[in-house]
N, C-alpha and C. Protein backbone atom coordinates (compact mmCIF):
# COMPACT_ATOMS: atom_id res chain seq x y z
N MET A 1 -26.17 23.40 26.74
CA MET A 1 -25.62 23.57 25.19
C MET A 1 -25.89 22.10 24.45
N ALA A 2 -26.54 21.84 23.38
CA ALA A 2 -26.61 21.00 22.92
C ALA A 2 -25.35 20.00 22.61
N ASN A 3 -25.33 19.00 22.44
CA ASN A 3 -24.50 18.02 21.76
C ASN A 3 -23.68 18.58 20.57
N ASP A 4 -24.12 18.68 19.66
CA ASP A 4 -23.75 19.33 18.56
C ASP A 4 -22.53 20.57 18.77
N ASP A 5 -23.38 21.04 19.60
CA ASP A 5 -22.50 22.54 19.65
C ASP A 5 -21.25 22.47 20.73
N THR A 6 -21.57 21.47 21.78
CA THR A 6 -20.38 20.93 22.66
C THR A 6 -19.12 20.48 21.41
N LYS A 7 -19.51 19.46 20.55
CA LYS A 7 -18.89 19.06 19.87
C LYS A 7 -17.91 20.08 18.87
N VAL A 8 -18.88 21.07 18.50
CA VAL A 8 -18.06 21.82 17.70
C VAL A 8 -17.18 22.69 18.40
N MET A 9 -17.81 23.42 19.80
CA MET A 9 -16.75 24.21 20.24
C MET A 9 -15.40 23.78 21.03
N SER A 10 -15.55 22.19 21.49
CA SER A 10 -14.79 21.64 21.88
C SER A 10 -13.49 20.94 20.54
N ILE A 11 -13.87 20.97 19.39
CA ILE A 11 -12.85 21.05 18.47
C ILE A 11 -12.35 22.16 18.24
N LEU A 12 -12.95 23.38 17.99
CA LEU A 12 -12.39 24.41 17.72
C LEU A 12 -11.36 25.46 18.97
N ALA A 13 -11.72 24.31 20.29
CA ALA A 13 -10.90 24.43 20.99
C ALA A 13 -9.21 24.49 20.91
N TYR A 14 -9.13 23.26 19.70
CA TYR A 14 -8.09 22.77 19.57
C TYR A 14 -7.17 23.50 18.31
N ILE A 15 -8.21 24.18 17.42
CA ILE A 15 -7.57 24.58 16.48
C ILE A 15 -7.52 26.41 16.54
N LEU A 16 -8.78 26.92 17.54
CA LEU A 16 -8.77 28.25 17.66
C LEU A 16 -9.31 28.29 19.07
N PHE A 17 -8.39 28.30 20.44
CA PHE A 17 -8.72 27.80 21.54
C PHE A 17 -9.27 28.98 22.17
N PHE A 18 -9.00 30.16 21.40
CA PHE A 18 -10.33 31.41 21.99
C PHE A 18 -11.52 31.55 21.96
N VAL A 19 -11.62 31.00 20.80
CA VAL A 19 -13.27 31.16 20.20
C VAL A 19 -14.20 30.35 21.04
N PRO A 20 -13.95 29.59 22.06
CA PRO A 20 -15.15 28.89 23.36
C PRO A 20 -14.66 29.77 24.34
N LEU A 21 -13.35 30.69 24.41
CA LEU A 21 -13.33 31.40 25.33
C LEU A 21 -13.97 32.79 25.60
N ILE A 22 -13.83 33.46 24.10
CA ILE A 22 -14.91 33.98 23.90
C ILE A 22 -16.14 34.70 23.95
N VAL A 23 -16.67 33.14 23.43
CA VAL A 23 -18.28 33.02 23.57
C VAL A 23 -18.82 32.72 24.74
N GLY A 24 -17.65 32.45 25.86
CA GLY A 24 -17.86 31.43 27.14
C GLY A 24 -18.55 30.14 27.15
N ALA A 25 -18.60 29.41 26.08
CA ALA A 25 -18.76 28.25 26.29
C ALA A 25 -18.36 27.25 27.07
N HIS A 26 -16.84 27.28 27.67
CA HIS A 26 -16.35 26.80 27.96
C HIS A 26 -17.04 26.96 29.94
N LYS A 27 -18.09 27.68 29.75
CA LYS A 27 -19.06 28.00 31.20
C LYS A 27 -19.92 27.08 31.36
N LYS A 28 -20.26 27.01 30.17
CA LYS A 28 -21.95 26.61 29.89
C LYS A 28 -21.39 24.71 30.04
N SER A 29 -20.56 24.22 29.42
CA SER A 29 -20.15 22.84 29.72
C SER A 29 -19.04 22.47 30.43
N ALA A 30 -19.10 21.22 30.94
CA ALA A 30 -17.36 21.00 31.52
C ALA A 30 -16.71 20.52 30.25
N THR A 31 -17.48 19.82 28.93
CA THR A 31 -16.49 19.36 28.18
C THR A 31 -16.07 20.08 27.43
N VAL A 32 -16.43 21.11 27.24
CA VAL A 32 -15.93 22.29 26.43
C VAL A 32 -14.76 22.75 27.44
N LYS A 33 -15.15 23.04 28.75
CA LYS A 33 -13.95 23.69 29.51
C LYS A 33 -12.71 22.97 29.48
N PHE A 34 -13.02 21.49 29.68
CA PHE A 34 -11.73 20.42 29.66
C PHE A 34 -11.00 20.41 27.82
N HIS A 35 -11.55 20.83 27.07
CA HIS A 35 -10.86 20.59 25.83
C HIS A 35 -10.79 22.09 25.39
N THR A 36 -11.09 23.24 26.00
CA THR A 36 -10.19 24.60 25.97
C THR A 36 -9.44 24.56 26.68
N ASN A 37 -9.24 23.96 28.16
CA ASN A 37 -8.07 23.95 28.58
C ASN A 37 -7.08 23.44 27.95
N GLN A 38 -7.21 22.34 27.40
CA GLN A 38 -6.27 21.73 26.69
C GLN A 38 -5.77 22.15 25.31
N GLY A 39 -6.73 22.81 24.91
CA GLY A 39 -6.29 23.79 23.41
C GLY A 39 -5.10 24.88 23.69
N THR A 40 -5.56 25.02 24.92
CA THR A 40 -4.94 26.65 25.53
C THR A 40 -3.52 26.17 25.77
N VAL A 41 -3.49 25.04 26.48
CA VAL A 41 -2.44 24.56 27.45
C VAL A 41 -1.15 23.90 25.86
N LEU A 42 -1.65 23.46 24.93
CA LEU A 42 -1.42 23.06 23.69
C LEU A 42 -0.72 24.52 22.82
N PHE A 43 -1.42 25.58 22.68
CA PHE A 43 -1.41 26.98 22.31
C PHE A 43 -0.23 27.22 22.77
N VAL A 44 -0.23 27.48 24.22
CA VAL A 44 1.12 28.17 24.95
C VAL A 44 2.03 26.96 24.95
N ALA A 45 2.45 25.98 24.73
CA ALA A 45 3.52 24.93 24.61
C ALA A 45 3.86 25.16 23.09
N ALA A 46 2.87 25.58 22.31
CA ALA A 46 3.76 25.68 21.01
C ALA A 46 4.52 27.29 20.74
N PHE A 47 3.59 27.64 21.49
CA PHE A 47 3.87 29.40 21.77
C PHE A 47 5.54 29.61 22.13
N ILE A 48 5.75 28.87 23.56
CA ILE A 48 6.73 28.59 24.30
C ILE A 48 8.08 27.73 23.31
N TYR A 49 7.41 27.07 22.79
CA TYR A 49 8.61 26.14 21.54
C TYR A 49 8.69 26.80 20.50
N GLY A 50 8.16 27.68 19.68
CA GLY A 50 8.73 29.04 18.80
C GLY A 50 9.65 29.79 19.74
N ILE A 51 9.51 30.60 20.42
CA ILE A 51 10.46 31.00 21.17
C ILE A 51 11.48 30.27 21.35
N VAL A 52 11.88 29.20 21.74
CA VAL A 52 13.05 28.50 22.15
C VAL A 52 13.54 28.24 20.74
N TYR A 53 12.64 27.80 19.97
CA TYR A 53 13.37 27.22 18.31
C TYR A 53 14.14 28.50 17.71
N THR A 54 13.46 29.56 18.22
CA THR A 54 13.73 30.96 17.28
C THR A 54 15.47 31.19 17.69
N LEU A 55 15.20 31.21 19.18
CA LEU A 55 16.65 31.74 19.62
C LEU A 55 17.85 30.55 19.60
N LEU A 56 17.47 29.36 19.38
CA LEU A 56 18.08 28.40 19.31
C LEU A 56 18.62 28.28 17.86
N SER A 57 17.83 28.07 17.06
CA SER A 57 18.22 28.70 15.42
C SER A 57 18.87 29.64 14.89
N ARG A 58 18.83 30.64 15.74
CA ARG A 58 19.79 31.95 15.36
C ARG A 58 21.63 31.44 16.33
N ILE A 59 21.31 30.78 16.97
CA ILE A 59 22.76 30.28 17.24
C ILE A 59 23.60 28.94 16.43
N LEU A 60 22.18 28.14 15.83
CA LEU A 60 22.91 26.91 15.58
C LEU A 60 23.19 27.15 13.79
N ILE A 61 22.48 28.16 13.27
CA ILE A 61 22.79 28.39 11.92
C ILE A 61 23.93 28.82 11.80
N HIS A 62 25.15 29.16 12.82
CA HIS A 62 26.33 29.47 12.62
C HIS A 62 27.36 28.32 12.90
N ILE A 63 26.55 27.14 13.19
CA ILE A 63 27.70 26.22 13.13
C ILE A 63 27.20 25.19 11.83
N PRO A 64 28.16 25.15 10.94
CA PRO A 64 28.05 24.13 9.74
C PRO A 64 27.72 22.77 9.94
N VAL A 65 26.81 22.48 9.01
CA VAL A 65 26.55 20.85 9.10
C VAL A 65 25.82 20.70 10.38
N ILE A 66 26.09 20.36 11.46
CA ILE A 66 25.60 19.86 12.60
C ILE A 66 24.60 21.16 12.98
N GLY A 67 24.88 22.20 13.12
CA GLY A 67 24.00 23.14 13.51
C GLY A 67 22.65 22.74 12.90
N TRP A 68 23.03 23.04 11.43
CA TRP A 68 21.72 22.91 10.43
C TRP A 68 20.81 21.74 10.45
N LEU A 69 21.80 20.67 10.52
CA LEU A 69 20.96 19.42 11.25
C LEU A 69 20.06 19.51 12.52
N LEU A 70 20.74 20.19 13.40
CA LEU A 70 19.90 20.01 14.59
C LEU A 70 18.42 21.10 14.47
N ILE A 71 19.12 22.26 13.80
CA ILE A 71 17.59 23.41 13.31
C ILE A 71 16.63 22.32 12.44
N THR A 72 16.75 21.36 11.55
CA THR A 72 16.01 20.58 10.79
C THR A 72 14.87 19.88 11.86
N LEU A 73 15.85 19.25 12.62
CA LEU A 73 15.36 18.27 13.80
C LEU A 73 14.69 18.80 14.39
N LEU A 74 14.94 20.23 14.70
CA LEU A 74 14.11 20.99 15.94
C LEU A 74 12.72 21.38 15.07
N SER A 75 12.95 21.96 13.60
CA SER A 75 11.72 22.21 13.21
C SER A 75 10.75 21.03 12.86
N LEU A 76 10.96 19.76 12.60
CA LEU A 76 10.35 18.51 13.02
C LEU A 76 9.64 18.34 13.99
N CYS A 77 9.95 19.02 14.77
CA CYS A 77 9.46 19.05 16.32
C CYS A 77 8.18 19.60 16.74
N TYR A 78 7.63 20.36 15.51
CA TYR A 78 6.75 21.28 14.94
C TYR A 78 5.52 20.09 14.87
N LEU A 79 5.71 19.07 14.43
CA LEU A 79 4.91 18.07 14.02
C LEU A 79 4.19 17.35 15.22
N VAL A 80 4.99 17.55 16.51
CA VAL A 80 4.52 16.68 17.70
C VAL A 80 3.20 17.79 17.84
N PHE A 81 3.37 19.18 17.81
CA PHE A 81 1.99 19.89 17.79
C PHE A 81 0.69 19.58 17.37
N LEU A 82 0.93 19.30 15.90
CA LEU A 82 0.25 18.62 15.10
C LEU A 82 -0.54 17.52 15.32
N VAL A 83 0.46 16.48 15.90
CA VAL A 83 -0.33 15.44 16.08
C VAL A 83 -0.85 15.15 17.36
N LEU A 84 -0.68 16.48 18.81
CA LEU A 84 -1.42 16.30 19.74
C LEU A 84 -2.71 17.24 19.47
N MET A 85 -2.97 17.93 18.63
CA MET A 85 -4.10 18.71 18.19
C MET A 85 -5.13 17.38 17.49
N ILE A 86 -4.50 16.41 16.72
CA ILE A 86 -5.07 15.75 15.60
C ILE A 86 -5.58 14.53 17.09
N ILE A 87 -4.89 14.34 17.77
CA ILE A 87 -5.12 13.58 19.05
C ILE A 87 -6.19 14.02 19.46
N GLY A 88 -6.44 15.45 20.25
CA GLY A 88 -7.62 15.98 20.96
C GLY A 88 -8.77 16.10 20.02
N ILE A 89 -8.79 16.26 18.99
CA ILE A 89 -9.92 16.56 17.91
C ILE A 89 -10.70 14.90 18.25
N VAL A 90 -9.62 13.89 17.68
CA VAL A 90 -9.92 12.48 17.84
C VAL A 90 -10.69 12.51 19.27
N ASN A 91 -10.65 12.39 20.25
CA ASN A 91 -10.88 12.50 21.30
C ASN A 91 -12.52 12.96 21.82
N VAL A 92 -12.52 14.00 20.83
CA VAL A 92 -13.89 15.08 20.95
C VAL A 92 -15.01 14.14 20.42
N VAL A 93 -14.43 13.72 19.15
CA VAL A 93 -14.96 12.93 18.35
C VAL A 93 -15.84 12.18 18.92
N ASN A 94 -14.64 11.13 19.43
CA ASN A 94 -15.09 9.76 20.52
C ASN A 94 -15.69 10.02 21.69
N ASP A 95 -16.39 11.26 22.09
CA ASP A 95 -16.56 11.55 23.20
C ASP A 95 -15.71 11.23 24.43
N LYS A 96 -14.73 11.72 24.20
CA LYS A 96 -13.74 11.00 25.76
C LYS A 96 -12.74 12.68 25.91
N GLN A 97 -12.92 12.78 27.52
CA GLN A 97 -11.97 13.53 27.97
C GLN A 97 -10.52 12.71 28.44
N ASN A 98 -9.65 12.24 27.23
CA ASN A 98 -8.36 11.96 27.42
C ASN A 98 -7.71 13.07 27.62
N PRO A 99 -6.51 13.32 28.83
CA PRO A 99 -5.77 14.66 28.70
C PRO A 99 -4.77 14.40 27.81
N LEU A 100 -3.97 15.28 26.78
CA LEU A 100 -3.26 14.69 25.94
C LEU A 100 -2.10 14.55 26.47
N PRO A 101 -1.46 13.61 25.79
CA PRO A 101 0.11 12.85 25.89
C PRO A 101 0.98 14.07 26.53
N ILE A 102 2.03 14.45 27.60
CA ILE A 102 2.96 15.14 27.76
C ILE A 102 2.51 16.41 28.56
N ILE A 103 1.54 17.02 27.98
CA ILE A 103 1.31 18.79 28.37
C ILE A 103 -0.28 18.32 28.67
N GLY A 104 -0.72 17.19 28.80
CA GLY A 104 -2.21 17.23 28.95
C GLY A 104 -2.74 17.19 30.81
N LYS A 105 -1.64 17.06 31.49
CA LYS A 105 -1.72 17.54 33.06
C LYS A 105 -2.25 18.74 33.57
N PHE A 106 -1.23 19.92 32.94
CA PHE A 106 -1.79 21.05 33.15
C PHE A 106 -2.55 21.66 33.03
N THR A 107 -2.99 22.45 33.86
CA THR A 107 -4.89 23.20 34.15
C THR A 107 -4.47 24.78 33.87
N LEU A 108 -5.13 25.12 32.95
CA LEU A 108 -4.76 26.88 32.91
C LEU A 108 -6.20 27.22 33.01
N ILE A 109 -7.40 26.59 32.78
CA ILE A 109 -8.58 27.38 32.89
C ILE A 109 -9.28 26.50 33.96
N LYS A 110 -9.62 27.04 35.01
CA LYS A 110 -10.33 26.48 36.03
C LYS A 110 -11.85 26.72 36.06
């Protein structure tokens, strides 16, 4: 796989994690495989957080002021996923395979 193709697929792994999986790019390049794993872990973490957020917000909405403030804080935590995605893309651009903070140690794609 050409270096430009590797970068494109690696960047896509953070935006649409399933694209490198569908086209099989993760099997042709260790770099794409690494970033596809990181993107997939990021997606799974965000998905699980979304479920937890939904359940907690349904409870907290009934608690005036404090509950509303907590819902707002929990909503702001979505920015963490955006920051992690940006960190991953910057790593691709700089030709680095640094694991993402907090969630980078997990492996889903072997």
